[in-house]
Amino acid sequence: MNAATIDLLHRAITDPDTQWSLGTFGAIAEFSRDRGEPVALRHSDNAVSAVTARGGIALQHHPRNRALASESITKSGWNQRIALCLSDTDGAMGRRTVLTELGADAEALRASDRDSILFDLGLGAPHADFCVRMDGRDVAAGLRQHAGRAVFEPGNPAMGLILAANPHRVFISRLGRIEVYQPIPPASGRSPEGPHTHVLPRLLRSGRTHPATEPIPDGWVPCAHLYPPHPARNGSGEPRPFDLPRHDSFQSMMMRFGSPESLAIKRRVRDAILAERPPSAMAGDRHGRASIRIALRQLKAAGHDSPILQSWIGDFDPAGLETDAEEADLHHDG
């Protein structure tokens, strides 16, 4: 993890408006905290952490970590994120496919949890382990009886035991972990505000490590994500007045950690519109085409209104003409 990435994490961990996630496509833990919420913050030359009564995150140094900033299209807006990536080899985790007892959680973020027992759910992702932490001997003993079986195997009562116990969820990668202490919502319920997890077997079966909209290079896996404050949405994904300093801040991160090709495309689009040049053909792959649309949506959100911009939107992003509310990004693309 180079100095620029460590500096990024030091600044982000102290910002209550920055959100975090760790997981895979179909299983993800999310950490966020409210302004004014009591939090234990720590940062050193090689690690950062934040722990509240609802959950916690800890990320640690790895010399070959690569930070990748990117943006992607939503229904009527855009997402922004920074992936903390390792190579397939450096990022490899347990890859267990059955329920497996791992023993006491010596790395728990709170000392009071370090005698509790971790069980890997066996979801099989190459770069993350998805665990529950049992603090009662009877509950752990009950779950232990079903070790060695797939948790979603027909007739396996393990998931029912887990849901009834409402254990901590602990999602782990080579770069750190997110712990969630809040209760698991019922199947018909909504995820609570703040730290929570999602496990969606249908998406897990795809075997993807990240959404197709995220430009992670071949041979790399995202081991954690951070989501700096969005200029057009609040932390719950609801529209808010456009915040130019937030926008400029993330564009600076894009310049440091993002794709030069994406930045060049967005710059050409903005220059053309500011020069009042009509739409022209712009070649590119799916990520390049998305960059065109994102540039147009950002100009519109920032209040730039002109017939030329409307013409570009009409040619490249007709959906951008809609006035529907922004879709929520609670799953962070997952």
Protein backbone atom coordinates (compact mmCIF):
# COMPACT_ATOMS: atom_id res chain seq x y z
CA MET A 1 0.00 0.00 0.00
CA ASN A 2 1.80 3.11 -1.18
CA ALA A 3 1.93 6.47 0.58
CA ALA A 4 -0.87 7.97 -1.55
CA THR A 5 -3.23 5.12 -0.67
CA ILE A 6 -2.38 5.28 3.03
CA ASP A 7 -3.00 9.03 3.02
CA LEU A 8 -6.35 8.42 1.29
CA LEU A 9 -7.38 5.92 3.98
CA HIS A 10 -6.26 8.19 6.82
CA ARG A 11 -8.45 10.99 5.50
CA ALA A 12 -11.40 8.74 4.63
CA ILE A 13 -11.59 6.91 7.98
CA THR A 14 -12.07 10.21 9.82
CA ASP A 15 -14.89 11.34 7.48
CA PRO A 16 -18.32 10.16 8.72
CA ASP A 17 -19.77 10.71 5.24
CA THR A 18 -17.46 8.13 3.65
CA GLN A 19 -18.97 4.64 3.39
CA TRP A 20 -17.20 1.29 3.04
CA SER A 21 -17.85 -2.24 1.83
CA LEU A 22 -16.12 -5.61 1.67
CA GLY A 23 -17.28 -8.73 -0.11
CA THR A 24 -18.11 -10.08 -3.54
CA PHE A 25 -20.88 -9.91 -6.13
CA GLY A 26 -23.84 -11.27 -4.18
CA ALA A 27 -22.43 -11.08 -0.63
CA ILE A 28 -21.33 -7.82 0.88
CA ALA A 29 -20.83 -6.14 4.25
CA GLU A 30 -21.28 -2.38 4.44
CA PHE A 31 -19.99 0.00 7.10
CA SER A 32 -21.10 3.56 7.68
CA ARG A 33 -21.57 5.82 10.67
CA ASP A 34 -23.57 8.91 11.48
CA ARG A 35 -22.19 12.34 12.19
CA GLY A 36 -21.91 12.63 15.95
CA GLU A 37 -22.13 8.87 16.51
CA PRO A 38 -19.57 7.71 19.12
CA VAL A 39 -16.68 5.99 17.32
CA ALA A 40 -13.29 4.58 18.23
CA LEU A 41 -10.91 5.71 15.47
CA ARG A 42 -7.38 4.42 15.02
CA HIS A 43 -4.82 5.00 12.33
CA SER A 44 -1.13 4.24 12.10
CA ASP A 45 1.45 4.07 9.36
CA ASN A 46 0.04 0.76 8.16
CA ALA A 47 -3.59 0.46 9.36
CA VAL A 48 -6.87 2.29 9.96
CA SER A 49 -10.00 1.29 11.85
CA ALA A 50 -13.34 2.66 13.02
CA VAL A 51 -15.64 0.90 15.50
CA THR A 52 -19.10 1.96 16.67
CA ALA A 53 -21.79 0.20 18.69
CA ARG A 54 -23.31 -0.97 15.36
CA GLY A 55 -20.22 -2.33 13.58
CA GLY A 56 -16.63 -1.73 12.62
CA ILE A 57 -14.03 -1.75 9.87
CA ALA A 58 -10.28 -2.32 9.92
CA LEU A 59 -7.92 -2.16 6.93
CA GLN A 60 -4.24 -2.97 7.00
CA HIS A 61 -1.10 -2.45 4.97
CA HIS A 62 -0.24 -4.63 1.99
CA PRO A 63 2.76 -3.59 -0.10
CA ARG A 64 1.09 -4.50 -3.41
CA ASN A 65 -2.32 -2.95 -2.83
CA ARG A 66 -3.63 -0.95 -5.79
CA ALA A 67 -6.31 1.74 -5.39
CA LEU A 68 -8.63 2.13 -8.41
CA ALA A 69 -11.14 5.00 -8.56
CA SER A 70 -14.05 4.66 -10.98
CA GLU A 71 -17.54 5.85 -11.82
CA SER A 72 -20.48 3.95 -13.34
CA ILE A 73 -23.97 4.63 -14.66
CA THR A 74 -27.12 4.21 -12.57
CA LYS A 75 -30.71 4.61 -13.76
CA SER A 76 -30.52 8.38 -13.91
CA GLY A 77 -27.22 9.33 -12.26
CA TRP A 78 -23.85 7.80 -11.51
CA ASN A 79 -21.94 5.94 -8.80
CA GLN A 80 -18.44 6.66 -7.56
CA ARG A 81 -16.08 4.41 -5.62
CA ILE A 82 -12.48 3.48 -4.94
CA ALA A 83 -11.61 -0.22 -4.99
CA LEU A 84 -8.66 -1.45 -2.96
CA CYS A 85 -7.32 -4.30 -5.08
CA LEU A 86 -4.81 -7.11 -4.88
CA SER A 87 -3.72 -9.57 -7.52
CA ASP A 88 -5.61 -12.86 -7.72
CA THR A 89 -2.70 -14.52 -5.94
CA ASP A 90 -2.16 -11.92 -3.20
CA GLY A 91 -5.89 -11.61 -2.56
CA ALA A 92 -6.69 -15.33 -2.31
CA MET A 93 -8.66 -16.37 0.78
CA GLY A 94 -10.02 -19.69 2.09
CA ARG A 95 -12.39 -20.45 -0.84
CA ARG A 96 -14.34 -22.80 1.44
CA THR A 97 -17.60 -24.14 0.04
CA VAL A 98 -19.04 -25.71 3.20
CA LEU A 99 -19.74 -24.46 6.72
CA THR A 100 -16.39 -24.53 8.54
CA GLU A 101 -15.51 -23.78 12.16
CA LEU A 102 -12.45 -21.49 12.37
CA GLY A 103 -12.07 -21.21 16.14
CA ALA A 104 -11.91 -18.17 18.41
CA ASP A 105 -11.82 -14.83 16.60
CA ALA A 106 -8.48 -13.54 17.89
CA GLU A 107 -8.57 -10.65 15.39
CA ALA A 108 -11.95 -9.31 16.52
CA LEU A 109 -12.07 -5.52 16.59
CA ARG A 110 -13.35 -5.46 20.18
CA ALA A 111 -11.56 -7.37 22.94
CA SER A 112 -14.88 -8.61 24.29
CA ASP A 113 -15.49 -10.59 21.08
CA ARG A 114 -12.17 -12.41 20.86
CA ASP A 115 -13.32 -15.57 22.64
CA SER A 116 -16.35 -15.97 20.38
CA ILE A 117 -16.27 -18.64 17.67
CA LEU A 118 -16.04 -17.88 13.96
CA PHE A 119 -17.79 -20.06 11.41
CA ASP A 120 -17.05 -19.58 7.69
CA LEU A 121 -20.34 -19.86 5.78
CA GLY A 122 -18.52 -21.44 2.85
CA LEU A 123 -19.74 -19.12 0.10
CA GLY A 124 -16.72 -19.97 -2.06
CA ALA A 125 -15.58 -16.51 -3.17
CA PRO A 126 -11.88 -16.48 -4.09
CA HIS A 127 -11.01 -13.22 -2.33
CA ALA A 128 -13.21 -13.01 0.77
CA ASP A 129 -14.37 -15.19 3.67
CA PHE A 130 -17.92 -14.68 4.93
CA CYS A 131 -18.27 -15.59 8.58
CA VAL A 132 -20.66 -15.47 11.52
CA ARG A 133 -19.40 -15.12 15.07
CA MET A 134 -21.15 -17.11 17.80
CA ASP A 135 -20.79 -15.94 21.40
CA GLY A 136 -22.84 -18.70 23.05
CA ARG A 137 -21.46 -22.20 23.59
CA ASP A 138 -24.84 -23.86 23.03
CA VAL A 139 -25.45 -21.98 19.79
CA ALA A 140 -21.92 -22.74 18.54
CA ALA A 141 -22.38 -26.40 19.45
CA GLY A 142 -25.65 -26.54 17.53
CA LEU A 143 -24.11 -25.00 14.44
CA ARG A 144 -21.03 -27.22 14.73
CA GLN A 145 -23.24 -30.25 14.07
CA HIS A 146 -23.76 -29.04 10.50
CA ALA A 147 -20.14 -28.23 9.67
CA GLY A 148 -19.02 -29.77 6.41
CA ARG A 149 -22.33 -29.12 4.65
CA ALA A 150 -23.22 -26.30 2.25
CA VAL A 151 -25.39 -23.80 4.11
CA PHE A 152 -27.85 -23.52 1.22
CA GLU A 153 -28.11 -27.29 0.76
CA PRO A 154 -31.79 -28.36 0.74
CA GLY A 155 -32.84 -29.50 4.18
CA ASN A 156 -29.83 -28.00 5.97
CA PRO A 157 -31.06 -26.29 9.17
CA ALA A 158 -27.83 -24.31 9.62
CA MET A 159 -29.13 -21.08 8.13
CA GLY A 160 -32.21 -21.24 10.33
CA LEU A 161 -29.99 -21.59 13.40
CA ILE A 162 -27.93 -18.61 12.27
CA LEU A 163 -30.96 -16.42 11.67
CA ALA A 164 -32.40 -17.33 15.06
CA ALA A 165 -29.10 -16.60 16.84
CA ASN A 166 -28.60 -13.20 15.15
CA PRO A 167 -24.81 -13.45 15.40
CA HIS A 168 -22.25 -10.85 14.39
CA ARG A 169 -21.33 -11.05 10.72
CA VAL A 170 -17.61 -10.82 9.97
CA PHE A 171 -16.51 -10.47 6.34
CA ILE A 172 -12.76 -10.73 5.82
CA SER A 173 -10.26 -10.14 3.00
CA ARG A 174 -6.47 -9.91 2.83
CA LEU A 175 -6.81 -6.17 3.44
CA GLY A 176 -8.98 -6.34 6.54
CA ARG A 177 -12.50 -6.91 7.75
CA ILE A 178 -15.95 -5.43 8.34
CA GLU A 179 -17.91 -6.55 11.39
CA VAL A 180 -21.68 -6.00 11.71
CA TYR A 181 -23.28 -6.11 15.16
CA GLN A 182 -26.82 -5.05 14.23
CA PRO A 183 -29.54 -7.73 14.02
CA ILE A 184 -30.21 -9.56 10.78
CA PRO A 185 -33.50 -8.22 9.38
CA PRO A 186 -36.30 -10.68 8.58
CA ALA A 187 -36.64 -11.81 4.96
CA SER A 188 -39.51 -9.37 4.50
CA GLY A 189 -37.71 -6.54 6.32
CA ARG A 190 -35.53 -3.67 5.20
CA SER A 191 -31.83 -3.57 6.03
CA PRO A 192 -31.10 -1.25 8.96
CA GLU A 193 -29.37 2.07 8.51
CA GLY A 194 -25.65 1.84 9.15
CA PRO A 195 -23.60 -1.36 9.11
CA HIS A 196 -25.38 -4.34 7.53
CA THR A 197 -24.84 -7.29 5.20
CA HIS A 198 -26.46 -8.75 2.10
CA VAL A 199 -26.18 -12.37 0.98
CA LEU A 200 -27.94 -13.12 -2.33
CA PRO A 201 -27.40 -16.72 -3.48
CA ARG A 202 -28.67 -16.04 -7.01
CA LEU A 203 -25.96 -13.44 -7.60
CA LEU A 204 -23.31 -15.54 -5.86
CA ARG A 205 -23.86 -18.30 -8.41
CA SER A 206 -22.47 -16.01 -11.13
CA GLY A 207 -18.99 -16.45 -9.65
CA ARG A 208 -18.17 -12.78 -10.30
CA THR A 209 -15.95 -10.88 -7.89
CA HIS A 210 -17.48 -7.50 -8.81
CA PRO A 211 -20.19 -5.99 -11.06
CA ALA A 212 -19.48 -5.86 -14.79
CA THR A 213 -19.86 -2.07 -14.64
CA GLU A 214 -16.73 -1.76 -12.50
CA PRO A 215 -13.49 -1.65 -14.55
CA ILE A 216 -11.28 -3.91 -12.42
CA PRO A 217 -8.30 -5.06 -14.53
CA ASP A 218 -7.91 -8.74 -15.35
CA GLY A 219 -5.88 -10.57 -12.74
CA TRP A 220 -6.99 -8.28 -9.90
CA VAL A 221 -9.73 -8.57 -7.26
CA PRO A 222 -11.34 -5.82 -5.15
CA CYS A 223 -10.63 -6.63 -1.50
CA ALA A 224 -12.51 -3.61 -0.08
CA HIS A 225 -14.21 -0.46 -1.34
CA LEU A 226 -14.63 3.05 -0.04
CA TYR A 227 -17.30 5.46 -1.24
CA PRO A 228 -16.43 9.14 -0.78
CA PRO A 229 -19.42 11.48 -0.31
CA HIS A 230 -21.45 11.75 -3.51
CA PRO A 231 -22.11 15.27 -4.85
CA ALA A 232 -25.73 14.57 -5.84
CA ARG A 233 -26.92 12.01 -3.24
CA ASN A 234 -26.90 11.69 0.51
CA GLY A 235 -25.68 8.59 2.34
CA SER A 236 -29.05 6.86 1.93
CA GLY A 237 -29.00 7.31 -1.83
CA GLU A 238 -31.59 10.10 -1.90
CA PRO A 239 -31.12 13.14 -4.19
CA ARG A 240 -29.53 16.24 -2.67
CA PRO A 241 -28.54 19.64 -4.09
CA PHE A 242 -25.37 19.33 -6.14
CA ASP A 243 -22.27 19.85 -4.00
CA LEU A 244 -19.43 21.18 -6.15
CA PRO A 245 -16.66 20.71 -3.53
CA ARG A 246 -17.63 17.04 -3.18
CA HIS A 247 -17.59 16.67 -6.95
CA ASP A 248 -14.21 18.34 -7.29
CA SER A 249 -12.82 16.23 -4.45
CA PHE A 250 -13.71 12.95 -6.14
CA GLN A 251 -12.51 14.16 -9.53
CA SER A 252 -9.14 14.80 -7.86
CA MET A 253 -9.21 11.21 -6.63
CA MET A 254 -10.02 10.08 -10.17
CA MET A 255 -6.96 11.95 -11.41
CA ARG A 256 -4.78 10.20 -8.82
CA PHE A 257 -6.30 6.71 -8.83
CA GLY A 258 -8.58 6.50 -11.88
CA SER A 259 -8.33 5.47 -15.52
CA PRO A 260 -6.48 8.01 -17.71
CA GLU A 261 -8.63 6.88 -20.65
CA SER A 262 -11.86 7.62 -18.80
CA LEU A 263 -10.60 11.02 -17.70
CA ALA A 264 -9.52 11.87 -21.25
CA ILE A 265 -12.95 10.97 -22.64
CA LYS A 266 -14.75 13.07 -20.06
CA ARG A 267 -12.41 15.98 -20.72
CA ARG A 268 -13.09 15.83 -24.48
CA VAL A 269 -16.84 15.80 -23.88
CA ARG A 270 -16.72 18.77 -21.51
CA ASP A 271 -14.40 20.76 -23.80
CA ALA A 272 -16.65 20.13 -26.78
CA ILE A 273 -19.78 21.25 -24.95
CA LEU A 274 -18.16 24.34 -23.44
CA ALA A 275 -16.94 25.23 -26.93
CA GLU A 276 -20.54 24.70 -28.18
CA ARG A 277 -19.52 22.02 -30.66
CA PRO A 278 -22.36 19.68 -31.74
CA PRO A 279 -22.29 15.97 -30.89
CA SER A 280 -19.73 13.92 -32.77
CA ALA A 281 -18.91 10.23 -32.93
CA MET A 282 -16.68 9.03 -30.09
CA ALA A 283 -15.35 5.49 -30.21
CA GLY A 284 -14.84 3.38 -27.12
CA ASP A 285 -15.67 0.21 -25.22
CA ARG A 286 -18.54 -0.10 -22.75
CA HIS A 287 -16.58 1.78 -20.07
CA GLY A 288 -15.69 4.52 -22.54
CA ARG A 289 -19.32 4.94 -23.54
CA ALA A 290 -20.27 5.08 -19.88
CA SER A 291 -17.69 7.83 -19.35
CA ILE A 292 -19.40 9.95 -22.02
CA ARG A 293 -22.76 9.56 -20.32
CA ILE A 294 -21.30 10.28 -16.88
CA ALA A 295 -19.68 13.48 -18.14
CA LEU A 296 -23.03 14.62 -19.53
CA ARG A 297 -24.90 13.79 -16.34
CA GLN A 298 -22.34 15.58 -14.20
CA LEU A 299 -22.56 18.72 -16.32
CA LYS A 300 -26.34 18.63 -16.05
CA ALA A 301 -26.27 18.03 -12.28
CA ALA A 302 -23.83 20.93 -11.85
CA GLY A 303 -26.38 23.26 -13.45
CA HIS A 304 -24.84 23.61 -16.90
CA ASP A 305 -27.88 24.06 -19.12
CA SER A 306 -27.55 24.76 -22.82
CA PRO A 307 -29.04 23.57 -26.10
CA ILE A 308 -25.68 21.97 -26.94
CA LEU A 309 -25.72 19.88 -23.76
CA GLN A 310 -29.30 18.80 -24.44
CA SER A 311 -28.27 17.80 -27.96
CA TRP A 312 -25.39 15.67 -26.65
CA ILE A 313 -27.68 14.05 -24.08
CA GLY A 314 -30.22 13.31 -26.78
CA ASP A 315 -27.58 11.55 -28.86
CA PHE A 316 -25.62 9.70 -26.18
CA ASP A 317 -27.86 9.43 -23.11
CA PRO A 318 -31.60 9.82 -23.70
CA ALA A 319 -32.23 8.42 -20.21
CA GLY A 320 -30.42 11.47 -18.88
CA LEU A 321 -33.34 13.61 -20.01
CA GLU A 322 -35.60 11.88 -17.49
CA THR A 323 -36.34 13.55 -14.17
CA ASP A 324 -36.85 10.36 -12.15
CA ALA A 325 -35.32 10.31 -8.69
CA GLU A 326 -31.88 8.79 -8.40
CA GLU A 327 -31.91 5.09 -7.62
CA ALA A 328 -30.53 4.23 -4.20
CA ASP A 329 -27.02 2.76 -4.07
CA LEU A 330 -27.39 0.80 -0.86
CA HIS A 331 -25.92 -2.32 -2.50
CA HIS A 332 -22.99 -0.40 -4.00
CA ASP A 333 -23.40 -2.05 -7.40
CA GLY A 334 -23.74 -5.46 -5.82
